[in-house]
Amino acid sequence: MRPIQKSLEKQKTFVENASHELRTPLTVIQNRLESLFRKPESTNFRQFREHCL
């Protein structure tokens, strides 16, 4: 029973860490896109591309 619990804990920790690592860059991209749609005339597309791609 103990190895199964350890395995589940490791999996849970991995999923939490992976979720955080993915969420951060996606949030940055989302914020930049929202800014682009709000003020397209003031967007520096080169800078936008460098930050998002």
N, C-alpha and C. Protein backbone atom coordinates (compact mmCIF):
# COMPACT_ATOMS: atom_id res chain seq x y z
N MET A 1 0.82 -1.19 0.00
CA MET A 1 0.00 0.00 0.00
C MET A 1 0.87 1.26 0.00
N ARG A 2 1.96 1.24 0.75
CA ARG A 2 2.83 2.41 0.87
C ARG A 2 3.42 2.85 -0.47
N PRO A 3 3.91 1.94 -1.32
CA PRO A 3 4.45 2.37 -2.62
C PRO A 3 3.40 3.06 -3.49
N ILE A 4 2.18 2.62 -3.40
CA ILE A 4 1.10 3.23 -4.18
C ILE A 4 0.87 4.66 -3.71
N GLN A 5 0.87 4.88 -2.40
CA GLN A 5 0.68 6.23 -1.87
C GLN A 5 1.81 7.15 -2.29
N LYS A 6 3.04 6.64 -2.23
CA LYS A 6 4.19 7.45 -2.65
C LYS A 6 4.09 7.81 -4.13
N SER A 7 3.69 6.84 -4.92
CA SER A 7 3.54 7.06 -6.35
C SER A 7 2.46 8.12 -6.64
N LEU A 8 1.35 8.04 -5.93
CA LEU A 8 0.28 9.02 -6.12
C LEU A 8 0.72 10.42 -5.69
N GLU A 9 1.49 10.52 -4.63
CA GLU A 9 2.01 11.80 -4.17
C GLU A 9 2.96 12.40 -5.20
N LYS A 10 3.83 11.56 -5.76
CA LYS A 10 4.76 12.03 -6.79
C LYS A 10 4.00 12.53 -8.01
N GLN A 11 2.98 11.78 -8.41
CA GLN A 11 2.18 12.18 -9.57
C GLN A 11 1.47 13.50 -9.30
N LYS A 12 0.91 13.65 -8.11
CA LYS A 12 0.21 14.88 -7.75
C LYS A 12 1.16 16.07 -7.78
N THR A 13 2.34 15.90 -7.22
CA THR A 13 3.34 16.98 -7.22
C THR A 13 3.75 17.34 -8.64
N PHE A 14 3.97 16.33 -9.47
CA PHE A 14 4.34 16.58 -10.86
C PHE A 14 3.26 17.37 -11.59
N VAL A 15 2.02 16.97 -11.44
CA VAL A 15 0.91 17.65 -12.12
C VAL A 15 0.79 19.09 -11.64
N GLU A 16 0.95 19.32 -10.35
CA GLU A 16 0.89 20.69 -9.82
C GLU A 16 2.00 21.55 -10.41
N ASN A 17 3.21 21.01 -10.44
CA ASN A 17 4.34 21.76 -10.99
C ASN A 17 4.18 22.02 -12.48
N ALA A 18 3.78 21.01 -13.23
CA ALA A 18 3.58 21.17 -14.67
C ALA A 18 2.49 22.18 -14.96
N SER A 19 1.43 22.14 -14.19
CA SER A 19 0.33 23.08 -14.36
C SER A 19 0.80 24.51 -14.16
N HIS A 20 1.60 24.72 -13.13
CA HIS A 20 2.11 26.06 -12.86
C HIS A 20 3.04 26.53 -13.99
N GLU A 21 3.91 25.64 -14.44
CA GLU A 21 4.87 26.00 -15.49
C GLU A 21 4.16 26.34 -16.80
N LEU A 22 3.05 25.71 -17.09
CA LEU A 22 2.30 26.01 -18.31
C LEU A 22 1.43 27.25 -18.14
N ARG A 23 0.88 27.42 -16.97
CA ARG A 23 -0.05 28.52 -16.73
C ARG A 23 0.63 29.88 -16.88
N THR A 24 1.85 30.00 -16.39
CA THR A 24 2.54 31.29 -16.40
C THR A 24 2.75 31.83 -17.81
N PRO A 25 3.36 31.08 -18.74
CA PRO A 25 3.53 31.64 -20.09
C PRO A 25 2.21 31.86 -20.81
N LEU A 26 1.24 31.00 -20.56
CA LEU A 26 -0.05 31.18 -21.21
C LEU A 26 -0.74 32.45 -20.72
N THR A 27 -0.56 32.78 -19.46
CA THR A 27 -1.13 34.01 -18.92
C THR A 27 -0.48 35.23 -19.57
N VAL A 28 0.82 35.17 -19.77
CA VAL A 28 1.52 36.28 -20.42
C VAL A 28 0.99 36.47 -21.84
N ILE A 29 0.86 35.39 -22.58
CA ILE A 29 0.35 35.47 -23.95
C ILE A 29 -1.08 36.01 -23.95
N GLN A 30 -1.91 35.52 -23.06
CA GLN A 30 -3.29 35.99 -22.98
C GLN A 30 -3.34 37.49 -22.70
N ASN A 31 -2.54 37.97 -21.77
CA ASN A 31 -2.53 39.39 -21.45
C ASN A 31 -2.07 40.23 -22.63
N ARG A 32 -1.07 39.76 -23.34
CA ARG A 32 -0.58 40.50 -24.51
C ARG A 32 -1.64 40.53 -25.61
N LEU A 33 -2.33 39.42 -25.81
CA LEU A 33 -3.39 39.40 -26.82
C LEU A 33 -4.54 40.33 -26.45
N GLU A 34 -4.90 40.34 -25.19
CA GLU A 34 -5.97 41.25 -24.75
C GLU A 34 -5.57 42.69 -24.99
N SER A 35 -4.33 43.00 -24.73
CA SER A 35 -3.82 44.36 -24.97
C SER A 35 -3.86 44.68 -26.47
N LEU A 36 -3.49 43.73 -27.28
CA LEU A 36 -3.52 43.91 -28.74
C LEU A 36 -4.93 44.22 -29.22
N PHE A 37 -5.90 43.50 -28.71
CA PHE A 37 -7.28 43.71 -29.16
C PHE A 37 -7.87 45.01 -28.61
N ARG A 38 -7.41 45.43 -27.42
CA ARG A 38 -7.91 46.68 -26.86
C ARG A 38 -7.33 47.90 -27.56
N LYS A 39 -6.03 47.84 -27.87
CA LYS A 39 -5.34 48.99 -28.47
C LYS A 39 -4.44 48.52 -29.62
N PRO A 40 -5.01 48.12 -30.73
CA PRO A 40 -4.18 47.59 -31.82
C PRO A 40 -3.23 48.64 -32.41
N GLU A 41 -3.63 49.89 -32.38
CA GLU A 41 -2.80 50.94 -32.98
C GLU A 41 -1.53 51.23 -32.16
N SER A 42 -1.54 50.89 -30.90
CA SER A 42 -0.37 51.19 -30.06
C SER A 42 0.49 49.95 -29.80
N THR A 43 0.25 48.89 -30.53
CA THR A 43 1.01 47.66 -30.32
C THR A 43 2.24 47.63 -31.21
N ASN A 44 3.37 47.37 -30.62
CA ASN A 44 4.60 47.16 -31.35
C ASN A 44 4.64 45.67 -31.70
N PHE A 45 4.36 45.32 -32.95
CA PHE A 45 4.20 43.92 -33.33
C PHE A 45 5.51 43.12 -33.21
N ARG A 46 6.63 43.77 -33.44
CA ARG A 46 7.90 43.05 -33.30
C ARG A 46 8.09 42.63 -31.84
N GLN A 47 7.85 43.56 -30.94
CA GLN A 47 7.97 43.26 -29.51
C GLN A 47 6.94 42.21 -29.10
N PHE A 48 5.74 42.35 -29.61
CA PHE A 48 4.67 41.39 -29.32
C PHE A 48 5.09 39.99 -29.73
N ARG A 49 5.60 39.87 -30.94
CA ARG A 49 6.02 38.57 -31.47
C ARG A 49 7.15 37.98 -30.63
N GLU A 50 8.12 38.82 -30.24
CA GLU A 50 9.24 38.33 -29.44
C GLU A 50 8.79 37.82 -28.07
N HIS A 51 7.80 38.45 -27.50
CA HIS A 51 7.34 38.02 -26.18
C HIS A 51 6.46 36.79 -26.24
N CYS A 52 5.74 36.63 -27.32
CA CYS A 52 4.75 35.56 -27.38
C CYS A 52 5.20 34.30 -28.13
N LEU A 53 6.21 34.43 -28.95
CA LEU A 53 6.61 33.26 -29.74
C LEU A 53 7.95 32.72 -29.34
